[in-house]
Amino acid sequence: MSEGDGVRTGADYIDGIRDDGRRVFIDGEVVRDVTAHPAFRAAVRSIAHLYDIAADPANRAVMTYASPATGKPVLRCWEIPRTPSDLAARRAMSTRWAEATFGLMGRTPDHVAGFFAGFAAKPGIFAAAGAQWAENVTRFYEFARERHLYLSYAIVPPQIDRSKPAHRQSDPTLYAGVVKERDGGIVLKGAQQLATGAALSDWLHLSCIHPLQPGDEAYALSVAMPIAARGLKIYSRRSYGAAATSAFDYPLSSRFDENDALVVLDDVFVPWEHVFVYRNVALCRDQWWRTPSHVYGNHQAQVRYAVKLRFLAGLTKRLCEITGSASLPPVQIMLGEMAALVSIVENMVIAQEAGATTDEEGVLWPSRAALYAVMSLQSELNPRMVEIARELAGGAMIALPSSLKDFANPESAADLERYVHSPGFPAKERVRLLKMLWDLIGSEFAGRHQQYEKFYGGASFLVKQNMYRSFDFARAERLVDAALALPEPED
């Protein structure tokens, strides 16, 4: 912790995830220390850097606020906003962190923190099922807030047979659910996805955001568990960071691969104090929609996404400057389209604040119409941005030197300096930028990002249903009624 104020530093974070019992699987092996393994260590350092930014006294006003419990600084992402200014302050904090990762790490510690701030903002929703659930979620929120914890989550069941509800799967323990009660808590078994960042985090929030049906009560849960909990296993997908040959050739994937994962629960015990929803289908649904959790978490997500799009636009503009095409009107038109798409996302984030409402308990809700409008378009905006970048890059990205080693060979280096440079941009500098653009839109890391953004809020039809429920169709239809009521024009 930084001296005197208890703000978590990067070194604190790294020490904290060197815990006994953490079981992360990759390439058929169990990784005991993710801070040292090639598949995870660069991402760990990237998260540690975020904590160092927050712990820097120069950033204190942006990154923290005074804990309601102790008065000491805690990360602002845990703040429950009461005014639009509070929400704007959360945006400033998340922007600072997103800029440090160029928007490429979508599950940084401020994401799930937003969901828990939303839960804690409306304890009455949980209390309707029993006072203990409200007490548990509030207590855990405060526990995580005071310790600056990094939470990940797994809230989607595995894609085994989507034609059947959870309780009608071929095995009742395929989806994560409760299999036993004990005096001190419950025992969970099954699997859940997509646990992005779980291998790097302190705790896991496990729940279900998919619609559940009567009969699915065993899966209608919301719990928290340390990543080192006995019986919890994390199966990471292929590591793009470990596959990166050098930071020169893969400057983004070598640093910012946050490792999506499947989590498997093999009789994991969760004490009652870490259970927030238990065998309650209605409350499992309501935790997302009758509290501001979903809008808080996705307000942060759109802040991050805006930074990522701005980075892509800036990288594409720099490429055009290097090749001398930036002054050409057709190129400016395409760059202008990119700028328009970036501005739409950025301004829709601000619209969430400008259109925010305060409920009867004094809790601020970002504008759901503004949030779901931009989320509904995300799966269309992202490929268009990438397509423009591809078109403006032409064949430059696929005619690059094989690796940094080509610059170490005197013969190849001389040819590269002669034929790969641009006016004012030596070959190595030009190649460095083009490799970065390729890593952003063409590499395996880039392919994961395209899929990630396409399904960020779930299938597009689900996000558009959220938009349907949030839009003021009554106002729109009143215009129709007014138009139909116009008197017949006089002859």
Protein backbone atom coordinates (compact mmCIF):
# COMPACT_ATOMS: atom_id res chain seq x y z
CA MET A 1 0.00 0.00 0.00
CA SER A 2 1.16 3.53 -0.62
CA GLU A 3 2.49 5.16 2.51
CA GLY A 4 -0.08 6.58 4.90
CA ASP A 5 -3.28 6.24 2.87
CA GLY A 6 -3.69 2.53 2.10
CA VAL A 7 -4.14 2.93 -1.67
CA ARG A 8 -3.19 -0.31 -3.37
CA THR A 9 -0.08 -0.18 -5.54
CA GLY A 10 0.94 -2.35 -8.45
CA ALA A 11 3.36 -4.24 -6.22
CA ASP A 12 0.54 -4.85 -3.71
CA TYR A 13 -1.65 -6.23 -6.48
CA ILE A 14 1.06 -8.57 -7.78
CA ASP A 15 1.75 -9.86 -4.26
CA GLY A 16 -1.97 -10.35 -3.73
CA ILE A 17 -2.47 -12.70 -6.66
CA ARG A 18 0.52 -14.87 -5.72
CA ASP A 19 -1.87 -16.84 -3.56
CA ASP A 20 -1.82 -20.49 -2.58
CA GLY A 21 -4.44 -22.64 -4.25
CA ARG A 22 -4.99 -20.65 -7.46
CA ARG A 23 -5.47 -23.19 -10.27
CA VAL A 24 -5.17 -21.78 -13.77
CA PHE A 25 -4.83 -24.22 -16.68
CA ILE A 26 -3.19 -23.42 -20.00
CA ASP A 27 -1.55 -25.72 -22.56
CA GLY A 28 -2.34 -28.73 -20.38
CA GLU A 29 -0.46 -27.41 -17.35
CA VAL A 30 -1.45 -25.85 -14.05
CA VAL A 31 -0.01 -22.37 -13.55
CA ARG A 32 0.69 -21.73 -9.90
CA ASP A 33 2.12 -18.22 -10.29
CA VAL A 34 0.40 -16.20 -12.99
CA THR A 35 2.66 -13.23 -12.27
CA ALA A 36 5.64 -15.13 -13.71
CA HIS A 37 4.12 -17.30 -16.44
CA PRO A 38 4.67 -16.08 -20.06
CA ALA A 39 0.94 -16.36 -20.81
CA PHE A 40 -0.06 -13.92 -18.08
CA ARG A 41 2.87 -11.91 -16.75
CA ALA A 42 2.62 -9.02 -19.26
CA ALA A 43 -1.11 -8.60 -18.60
CA VAL A 44 -0.40 -8.72 -14.85
CA ARG A 45 2.10 -5.88 -15.29
CA SER A 46 -0.47 -3.90 -17.29
CA ILE A 47 -3.02 -4.23 -14.47
CA ALA A 48 -0.33 -3.39 -11.91
CA HIS A 49 0.38 -0.21 -13.86
CA LEU A 50 -3.26 0.78 -13.45
CA TYR A 51 -2.99 0.43 -9.70
CA ASP A 52 0.18 2.53 -9.72
CA ILE A 53 -1.64 5.26 -11.64
CA ALA A 54 -4.36 5.28 -8.98
CA ALA A 55 -1.86 5.23 -6.12
CA ASP A 56 0.12 8.19 -7.49
CA PRO A 57 -0.70 11.21 -5.28
CA ALA A 58 -0.71 13.39 -8.40
CA ASN A 59 -3.73 11.45 -9.66
CA ARG A 60 -5.54 11.21 -6.34
CA ALA A 61 -8.41 13.60 -7.13
CA VAL A 62 -9.26 11.80 -10.37
CA MET A 63 -8.73 8.20 -9.34
CA THR A 64 -10.12 8.07 -5.80
CA TYR A 65 -12.80 9.43 -3.48
CA ALA A 66 -13.14 9.42 0.29
CA SER A 67 -14.41 6.13 1.69
CA PRO A 68 -17.79 6.62 3.40
CA ALA A 69 -16.55 4.24 6.09
CA THR A 70 -13.05 5.51 6.87
CA GLY A 71 -12.55 8.77 4.98
CA LYS A 72 -9.45 7.30 3.35
CA PRO A 73 -9.11 7.30 -0.44
CA VAL A 74 -10.63 4.35 -2.29
CA LEU A 75 -10.95 3.78 -6.02
CA ARG A 76 -13.61 6.00 -7.54
CA CYS A 77 -15.06 3.11 -9.55
CA TRP A 78 -16.70 1.92 -6.31
CA GLU A 79 -18.56 5.20 -5.78
CA ILE A 80 -22.36 5.13 -5.95
CA PRO A 81 -23.20 8.26 -7.95
CA ARG A 82 -25.79 10.65 -6.60
CA THR A 83 -25.36 13.45 -9.14
CA PRO A 84 -24.36 13.73 -12.81
CA SER A 85 -21.07 15.18 -11.58
CA ASP A 86 -20.40 11.97 -9.66
CA LEU A 87 -20.98 9.97 -12.83
CA ALA A 88 -18.71 12.29 -14.81
CA ALA A 89 -16.02 11.78 -12.16
CA ARG A 90 -16.31 8.01 -12.61
CA ARG A 91 -15.92 8.57 -16.35
CA ALA A 92 -12.73 10.57 -15.80
CA MET A 93 -11.29 7.77 -13.67
CA SER A 94 -12.15 5.06 -16.20
CA THR A 95 -10.86 7.18 -19.07
CA ARG A 96 -7.49 7.52 -17.37
CA TRP A 97 -7.23 3.75 -16.94
CA ALA A 98 -8.55 3.00 -20.45
CA GLU A 99 -5.97 5.33 -21.99
CA ALA A 100 -3.23 3.39 -20.20
CA THR A 101 -4.33 0.21 -22.03
CA PHE A 102 -5.50 2.01 -25.22
CA GLY A 103 -8.97 0.61 -24.57
CA LEU A 104 -7.74 -2.94 -25.18
CA MET A 105 -8.45 -4.42 -21.75
CA GLY A 106 -12.21 -4.53 -21.32
CA ARG A 107 -12.32 -6.13 -17.88
CA THR A 108 -10.06 -3.89 -15.84
CA PRO A 109 -10.87 -3.60 -12.11
CA ASP A 110 -13.32 -0.73 -12.65
CA HIS A 111 -15.74 -2.89 -14.64
CA VAL A 112 -17.16 -5.36 -12.14
CA ALA A 113 -16.75 -2.71 -9.43
CA GLY A 114 -19.49 -0.81 -11.25
CA PHE A 115 -21.83 -3.78 -11.03
CA PHE A 116 -21.30 -4.12 -7.30
CA ALA A 117 -21.80 -0.39 -6.80
CA GLY A 118 -25.13 -0.88 -8.55
CA PHE A 119 -26.05 -3.80 -6.30
CA ALA A 120 -25.12 -1.87 -3.16
CA ALA A 121 -27.05 1.18 -4.36
CA LYS A 122 -30.34 -0.73 -4.11
CA PRO A 123 -30.13 -3.19 -1.20
CA GLY A 124 -33.90 -3.20 -0.95
CA ILE A 125 -34.10 -5.26 -4.14
CA PHE A 126 -32.14 -8.02 -2.40
CA ALA A 127 -33.93 -7.52 0.94
CA ALA A 128 -37.25 -8.36 -0.73
CA ALA A 129 -36.05 -11.99 -0.71
CA GLY A 130 -34.68 -11.76 2.82
CA ALA A 131 -32.73 -9.19 4.83
CA GLN A 132 -29.63 -11.41 4.90
CA TRP A 133 -29.10 -11.10 1.14
CA ALA A 134 -29.07 -7.30 1.29
CA GLU A 135 -26.70 -7.39 4.26
CA ASN A 136 -24.41 -9.80 2.43
CA VAL A 137 -24.16 -7.80 -0.79
CA THR A 138 -23.63 -4.52 1.05
CA ARG A 139 -20.99 -6.01 3.34
CA PHE A 140 -19.11 -7.58 0.44
CA TYR A 141 -19.27 -4.36 -1.58
CA GLU A 142 -17.67 -2.51 1.32
CA PHE A 143 -15.09 -5.27 1.80
CA ALA A 144 -14.03 -5.09 -1.86
CA ARG A 145 -14.12 -1.28 -1.94
CA GLU A 146 -11.89 -0.84 1.10
CA ARG A 147 -9.33 -3.33 -0.26
CA HIS A 148 -9.33 -2.04 -3.87
CA LEU A 149 -10.02 -5.56 -5.09
CA TYR A 150 -9.95 -6.66 -8.70
CA LEU A 151 -13.10 -8.68 -9.38
CA SER A 152 -13.83 -10.61 -12.55
CA TYR A 153 -17.11 -12.32 -13.33
CA ALA A 154 -18.56 -15.37 -15.05
CA ILE A 155 -22.25 -14.82 -15.73
CA VAL A 156 -23.03 -16.83 -18.90
CA PRO A 157 -23.63 -20.60 -18.94
CA PRO A 158 -21.51 -22.68 -21.34
CA GLN A 159 -22.86 -23.21 -24.85
CA ILE A 160 -23.80 -26.88 -24.55
CA ASP A 161 -27.44 -27.04 -25.67
CA ARG A 162 -29.16 -23.66 -25.93
CA SER A 163 -32.43 -25.35 -26.96
CA LYS A 164 -32.94 -26.52 -23.37
CA PRO A 165 -33.10 -24.65 -20.05
CA ALA A 166 -30.45 -25.24 -17.43
CA HIS A 167 -32.33 -27.93 -15.49
CA ARG A 168 -33.01 -29.97 -18.64
CA GLN A 169 -29.43 -30.32 -19.79
CA SER A 170 -28.14 -33.88 -20.14
CA ASP A 171 -26.38 -33.55 -16.77
CA PRO A 172 -27.74 -31.25 -14.05
CA THR A 173 -24.22 -30.21 -13.09
CA LEU A 174 -23.12 -28.92 -16.49
CA TYR A 175 -24.16 -25.34 -15.70
CA ALA A 176 -22.81 -23.81 -12.49
CA GLY A 177 -25.32 -24.41 -9.73
CA VAL A 178 -25.83 -25.44 -6.15
CA VAL A 179 -25.61 -29.16 -5.38
CA LYS A 180 -25.58 -29.13 -1.59
CA GLU A 181 -26.27 -26.97 1.45
CA ARG A 182 -24.06 -27.06 4.51
CA ASP A 183 -24.45 -25.31 7.83
CA GLY A 184 -21.95 -22.63 6.85
CA GLY A 185 -22.85 -22.19 3.19
CA ILE A 186 -23.44 -23.90 -0.14
CA VAL A 187 -21.51 -26.17 -2.50
CA LEU A 188 -21.38 -25.35 -6.21
CA LYS A 189 -20.61 -27.54 -9.19
CA GLY A 190 -20.56 -26.98 -12.96
CA ALA A 191 -19.08 -24.44 -15.36
CA GLN A 192 -19.60 -20.85 -16.40
CA GLN A 193 -18.11 -18.45 -18.96
CA LEU A 194 -16.74 -15.95 -20.16
CA ALA A 195 -14.46 -15.22 -17.26
CA THR A 196 -12.31 -12.57 -18.93
CA GLY A 197 -9.42 -11.61 -16.67
CA ALA A 198 -10.25 -14.26 -14.06
CA ALA A 199 -6.69 -15.61 -14.03
CA LEU A 200 -5.47 -12.10 -13.17
CA SER A 201 -8.07 -11.10 -10.59
CA ASP A 202 -8.50 -11.39 -6.80
CA TRP A 203 -12.11 -12.60 -6.63
CA LEU A 204 -14.73 -14.04 -8.96
CA HIS A 205 -18.37 -13.00 -9.07
CA LEU A 206 -20.42 -15.94 -10.32
CA SER A 207 -24.03 -15.50 -11.37
CA CYS A 208 -26.27 -15.84 -14.44
CA ILE A 209 -27.46 -13.03 -16.68
CA HIS A 210 -29.23 -15.38 -19.11
CA PRO A 211 -32.98 -15.77 -18.62
CA LEU A 212 -33.80 -18.61 -16.27
CA GLN A 213 -37.06 -20.55 -16.09
CA PRO A 214 -39.04 -22.22 -13.33
CA GLY A 215 -37.11 -25.37 -12.54
CA ASP A 216 -33.78 -23.52 -12.88
CA GLU A 217 -33.65 -22.50 -9.23
CA ALA A 218 -30.40 -24.36 -8.56
CA TYR A 219 -28.67 -22.03 -11.06
CA ALA A 220 -30.33 -18.81 -9.89
CA LEU A 221 -27.38 -17.65 -7.82
CA SER A 222 -25.16 -14.66 -7.22
CA VAL A 223 -22.04 -15.35 -5.17
CA ALA A 224 -18.44 -14.26 -4.74
CA MET A 225 -15.39 -16.44 -4.19
CA PRO A 226 -11.64 -15.88 -4.07
CA ILE A 227 -9.84 -17.08 -7.19
CA ALA A 228 -7.85 -19.38 -4.92
CA ALA A 229 -11.03 -21.08 -3.61
CA ARG A 230 -10.63 -24.85 -3.33
CA GLY A 231 -12.21 -26.58 -6.34
CA LEU A 232 -12.25 -23.50 -8.60
CA LYS A 233 -10.44 -24.11 -11.88
CA ILE A 234 -9.78 -21.56 -14.64
CA TYR A 235 -9.23 -22.79 -18.19
CA SER A 236 -7.62 -20.03 -20.22
CA ARG A 237 -7.90 -19.82 -23.97
CA ARG A 238 -4.75 -19.60 -26.09
CA SER A 239 -2.45 -16.84 -24.90
CA TYR A 240 -1.67 -14.25 -27.57
CA GLY A 241 0.83 -12.66 -25.23
CA ALA A 242 2.88 -15.83 -24.92
CA ALA A 243 2.76 -16.33 -28.70
CA ALA A 244 4.05 -12.81 -29.41
CA THR A 245 7.62 -13.08 -30.71
CA SER A 246 8.58 -9.59 -29.53
CA ALA A 247 7.02 -6.35 -28.37
CA PHE A 248 8.21 -4.76 -31.62
CA ASP A 249 6.36 -7.26 -33.81
CA TYR A 250 3.30 -7.57 -31.55
CA PRO A 251 3.26 -4.37 -29.48
CA LEU A 252 -0.34 -4.73 -28.28
CA SER A 253 -0.95 -8.45 -27.88
CA SER A 254 2.36 -8.77 -26.01
CA ARG A 255 1.06 -6.37 -23.32
CA PHE A 256 -2.73 -6.30 -23.19
CA ASP A 257 -4.06 -9.84 -23.60
CA GLU A 258 -6.47 -10.23 -20.69
CA ASN A 259 -7.10 -13.96 -21.22
CA ASP A 260 -10.73 -15.04 -21.47
CA ALA A 261 -11.51 -18.28 -19.67
CA LEU A 262 -13.97 -21.00 -18.77
CA VAL A 263 -14.38 -21.54 -15.05
CA VAL A 264 -15.13 -24.97 -13.62
CA LEU A 265 -16.44 -25.42 -10.10
CA ASP A 266 -15.62 -28.81 -8.63
CA ASP A 267 -17.56 -28.77 -5.34
CA VAL A 268 -16.60 -25.22 -4.44
CA PHE A 269 -17.77 -24.17 -0.99
CA VAL A 270 -19.17 -20.64 -0.66
CA PRO A 271 -19.96 -19.38 2.85
CA TRP A 272 -23.38 -17.81 3.36
CA GLU A 273 -21.92 -14.32 3.82
CA HIS A 274 -20.73 -14.41 0.19
CA VAL A 275 -24.13 -15.43 -1.20
CA PHE A 276 -26.32 -12.58 -2.50
CA VAL A 277 -28.97 -14.47 -4.48
CA TYR A 278 -29.95 -18.04 -3.66
CA ARG A 279 -32.32 -20.24 -5.65
CA ASN A 280 -34.39 -17.23 -6.67
CA VAL A 281 -35.06 -16.86 -10.40
CA ALA A 282 -36.76 -13.48 -10.07
CA LEU A 283 -34.01 -11.93 -7.95
CA CYS A 284 -31.28 -13.38 -10.17
CA ARG A 285 -32.89 -11.39 -13.01
CA ASP A 286 -33.70 -8.31 -10.94
CA GLN A 287 -30.14 -7.82 -9.68
CA TRP A 288 -29.20 -6.67 -13.19
CA TRP A 289 -32.25 -4.65 -14.18
CA ARG A 290 -33.91 -3.31 -11.01
CA THR A 291 -30.61 -2.02 -9.70
CA PRO A 292 -28.32 0.27 -11.74
CA SER A 293 -25.65 -2.44 -11.90
CA HIS A 294 -25.98 -3.07 -15.62
CA VAL A 295 -25.93 0.61 -16.52
CA TYR A 296 -22.99 1.41 -14.19
CA GLY A 297 -20.90 -1.46 -15.51
CA ASN A 298 -21.67 -0.65 -19.12
CA HIS A 299 -21.17 3.08 -18.69
CA GLN A 300 -17.57 2.16 -17.84
CA ALA A 301 -17.50 -0.24 -20.80
CA GLN A 302 -18.48 2.49 -23.24
CA VAL A 303 -15.87 4.85 -21.78
CA ARG A 304 -13.31 2.16 -22.51
CA TYR A 305 -14.71 1.53 -25.98
CA ALA A 306 -14.57 5.22 -26.89
CA VAL A 307 -10.87 5.29 -25.98
CA LYS A 308 -10.22 2.22 -28.12
CA LEU A 309 -11.94 3.75 -31.15
CA ARG A 310 -10.06 7.01 -30.70
CA PHE A 311 -6.81 5.03 -30.62
CA LEU A 312 -7.71 3.24 -33.86
CA ALA A 313 -8.60 6.54 -35.52
CA GLY A 314 -5.33 8.09 -34.38
CA LEU A 315 -3.29 5.13 -35.57
CA THR A 316 -4.97 5.20 -38.98
CA LYS A 317 -4.42 8.96 -39.30
CA ARG A 318 -0.73 8.53 -38.48
CA LEU A 319 -0.42 5.83 -41.15
CA CYS A 320 -1.90 8.19 -43.72
CA GLU A 321 0.55 10.90 -42.67
CA ILE A 322 3.46 8.52 -43.11
CA THR A 323 2.38 7.46 -46.58
CA GLY A 324 1.60 11.03 -47.63
CA SER A 325 -2.09 10.37 -48.29
CA ALA A 326 -3.57 12.36 -45.39
CA SER A 327 -4.02 15.48 -47.54
CA LEU A 328 -6.00 13.68 -50.24
CA PRO A 329 -9.74 14.52 -50.13
CA PRO A 330 -10.93 10.88 -50.49
CA VAL A 331 -8.72 9.90 -47.55
CA GLN A 332 -9.93 12.83 -45.46
CA ILE A 333 -13.51 11.77 -46.16
CA MET A 334 -12.81 8.28 -44.81
CA LEU A 335 -10.93 9.63 -41.80
CA GLY A 336 -13.85 11.98 -41.25
CA GLU A 337 -16.19 8.98 -41.13
CA MET A 338 -13.96 7.36 -38.52
CA ALA A 339 -13.99 10.60 -36.52
CA ALA A 340 -17.79 10.69 -36.73
CA LEU A 341 -18.10 7.15 -35.38
CA VAL A 342 -15.71 7.88 -32.52
CA SER A 343 -17.62 11.05 -31.69
CA ILE A 344 -20.94 9.20 -31.65
CA VAL A 345 -19.65 6.82 -28.97
CA GLU A 346 -17.95 9.56 -26.93
CA ASN A 347 -21.00 11.80 -26.97
CA MET A 348 -23.39 9.00 -26.17
CA VAL A 349 -21.34 8.38 -23.02
CA ILE A 350 -21.80 12.02 -22.07
CA ALA A 351 -25.50 11.73 -22.94
CA GLN A 352 -25.80 8.98 -20.33
CA GLU A 353 -24.76 11.59 -17.77
CA ALA A 354 -26.78 14.49 -19.21
CA GLY A 355 -29.92 12.34 -19.35
CA ALA A 356 -29.38 10.64 -15.99
CA THR A 357 -32.26 10.45 -13.52
CA THR A 358 -32.36 10.22 -9.75
CA ASP A 359 -34.72 7.72 -8.13
CA GLU A 360 -36.69 8.03 -4.92
CA GLU A 361 -33.71 6.82 -2.89
CA GLY A 362 -31.36 9.45 -4.30
CA VAL A 363 -29.51 6.98 -6.56
CA LEU A 364 -28.45 8.27 -9.96
CA TRP A 365 -29.22 6.11 -12.99
CA PRO A 366 -27.38 6.84 -16.25
CA SER A 367 -29.73 7.26 -19.20
CA ARG A 368 -30.60 3.75 -20.27
CA ALA A 369 -31.81 4.95 -23.67
CA ALA A 370 -28.44 6.58 -24.37
CA LEU A 371 -26.50 3.54 -23.12
CA TYR A 372 -28.45 0.91 -25.02
CA ALA A 373 -28.55 3.03 -28.17
CA VAL A 374 -24.77 2.99 -28.46
CA MET A 375 -24.49 -0.63 -27.30
CA SER A 376 -27.02 -1.62 -29.99
CA LEU A 377 -24.77 -0.10 -32.65
CA GLN A 378 -21.45 -1.40 -31.29
CA SER A 379 -21.56 -4.59 -33.37
CA GLU A 380 -21.97 -2.42 -36.49
CA LEU A 381 -19.68 0.50 -35.65
CA ASN A 382 -16.68 -1.66 -34.82
CA PRO A 383 -16.38 -3.56 -38.11
CA ARG A 384 -16.89 -0.33 -40.04
CA MET A 385 -14.01 1.31 -38.18
CA VAL A 386 -11.80 -1.70 -38.88
CA GLU A 387 -12.83 -1.79 -42.53
CA ILE A 388 -11.87 1.86 -43.07
CA ALA A 389 -8.49 1.25 -41.42
CA ARG A 390 -7.93 -1.76 -43.67
CA GLU A 391 -8.83 0.18 -46.79
CA LEU A 392 -6.54 3.06 -45.97
CA ALA A 393 -3.66 0.72 -45.09
CA GLY A 394 -3.88 -1.12 -48.40
CA GLY A 395 -1.20 -3.77 -48.78
CA ALA A 396 1.26 -2.07 -46.45
CA MET A 397 0.48 -4.28 -43.46
CA ILE A 398 0.99 -7.53 -45.34
CA ALA A 399 4.29 -6.59 -46.97
CA LEU A 400 6.16 -6.03 -43.72
CA PRO A 401 9.53 -7.48 -42.68
CA SER A 402 9.15 -10.82 -40.95
CA SER A 403 10.42 -9.58 -37.60
CA LEU A 404 12.65 -7.13 -35.78
CA LYS A 405 15.56 -9.46 -36.57
CA ASP A 406 15.52 -8.28 -40.20
CA PHE A 407 16.89 -4.96 -38.98
CA ALA A 408 19.83 -6.75 -37.31
CA ASN A 409 21.08 -8.23 -40.57
CA PRO A 410 23.17 -5.57 -42.38
CA GLU A 411 22.09 -6.67 -45.85
CA SER A 412 18.35 -6.81 -45.14
CA ALA A 413 18.51 -3.68 -43.00
CA ALA A 414 20.04 -1.72 -45.89
CA ASP A 415 17.32 -2.86 -48.28
CA LEU A 416 14.60 -2.08 -45.77
CA GLU A 417 15.96 1.41 -45.18
CA ARG A 418 15.94 2.00 -48.94
CA TYR A 419 12.57 0.51 -49.90
CA VAL A 420 10.35 0.59 -46.82
CA HIS A 421 10.90 4.13 -45.55
CA SER A 422 8.64 7.13 -46.17
CA PRO A 423 9.70 10.80 -46.29
CA GLY A 424 10.52 11.82 -42.74
CA PHE A 425 9.90 8.32 -41.40
CA PRO A 426 12.81 5.84 -41.33
CA ALA A 427 12.00 2.24 -42.19
CA LYS A 428 12.08 0.97 -38.62
CA GLU A 429 9.71 3.68 -37.38
CA ARG A 430 7.33 3.06 -40.28
CA VAL A 431 7.39 -0.70 -39.72
CA ARG A 432 6.82 -0.24 -35.98
CA LEU A 433 3.62 1.70 -36.63
CA LEU A 434 2.36 -0.70 -39.28
CA LYS A 435 3.00 -3.68 -37.02
CA MET A 436 0.95 -1.94 -34.34
CA LEU A 437 -1.94 -1.38 -36.73
CA TRP A 438 -1.75 -5.03 -37.85
CA ASP A 439 -1.81 -6.17 -34.23
CA LEU A 440 -4.91 -4.05 -33.71
CA ILE A 441 -6.91 -5.14 -36.77
CA GLY A 442 -5.26 -8.18 -38.38
CA SER A 443 -3.58 -10.47 -35.88
CA GLU A 444 -5.15 -13.29 -33.85
CA PHE A 445 -5.34 -10.83 -30.97
CA ALA A 446 -7.26 -8.49 -33.29
CA GLY A 447 -9.62 -11.28 -34.33
CA ARG A 448 -10.47 -11.90 -30.70
CA HIS A 449 -11.20 -8.18 -30.27
CA GLN A 450 -13.56 -8.12 -33.22
CA GLN A 451 -15.52 -11.04 -31.77
CA TYR A 452 -15.38 -9.50 -28.30
CA GLU A 453 -16.84 -6.17 -29.44
CA LYS A 454 -19.48 -7.86 -31.58
CA PHE A 455 -20.88 -9.72 -28.60
CA TYR A 456 -19.84 -7.31 -25.86
CA GLY A 457 -23.36 -6.80 -24.54
CA GLY A 458 -24.57 -10.23 -25.66
CA ALA A 459 -26.21 -11.11 -28.95
CA SER A 460 -27.24 -7.95 -30.81
CA PHE A 461 -30.93 -8.82 -30.66
CA LEU A 462 -30.77 -8.92 -26.86
CA VAL A 463 -29.15 -5.49 -26.69
CA LYS A 464 -31.74 -4.12 -29.10
CA GLN A 465 -34.48 -5.53 -26.88
CA ASN A 466 -32.97 -3.52 -24.02
CA MET A 467 -33.16 -0.48 -26.30
CA TYR A 468 -36.78 -1.29 -27.13
CA ARG A 469 -37.65 -1.36 -23.44
CA SER A 470 -35.77 1.88 -22.74
CA PHE A 471 -36.99 4.03 -25.62
CA ASP A 472 -39.90 6.42 -25.11
CA PHE A 473 -42.18 4.96 -27.76
CA ALA A 474 -45.20 6.62 -26.08
CA ARG A 475 -43.77 10.03 -26.93
CA ALA A 476 -43.07 8.91 -30.47
CA GLU A 477 -46.59 7.59 -30.90
CA ARG A 478 -48.10 10.79 -29.52
CA LEU A 479 -46.55 12.48 -32.55
CA VAL A 480 -48.31 9.95 -34.74
CA ASP A 481 -51.63 10.65 -32.99
CA ALA A 482 -51.09 14.38 -33.40
CA ALA A 483 -50.41 13.92 -37.10
CA LEU A 484 -53.51 11.74 -37.54
CA ALA A 485 -55.60 14.33 -35.72
CA LEU A 486 -54.69 17.14 -38.08
CA PRO A 487 -57.84 18.71 -39.51
CA GLU A 488 -58.65 18.26 -43.14
CA PRO A 489 -57.24 21.19 -45.11
CA GLU A 490 -59.80 23.67 -46.30
CA ASP A 491 -60.38 23.95 -50.02
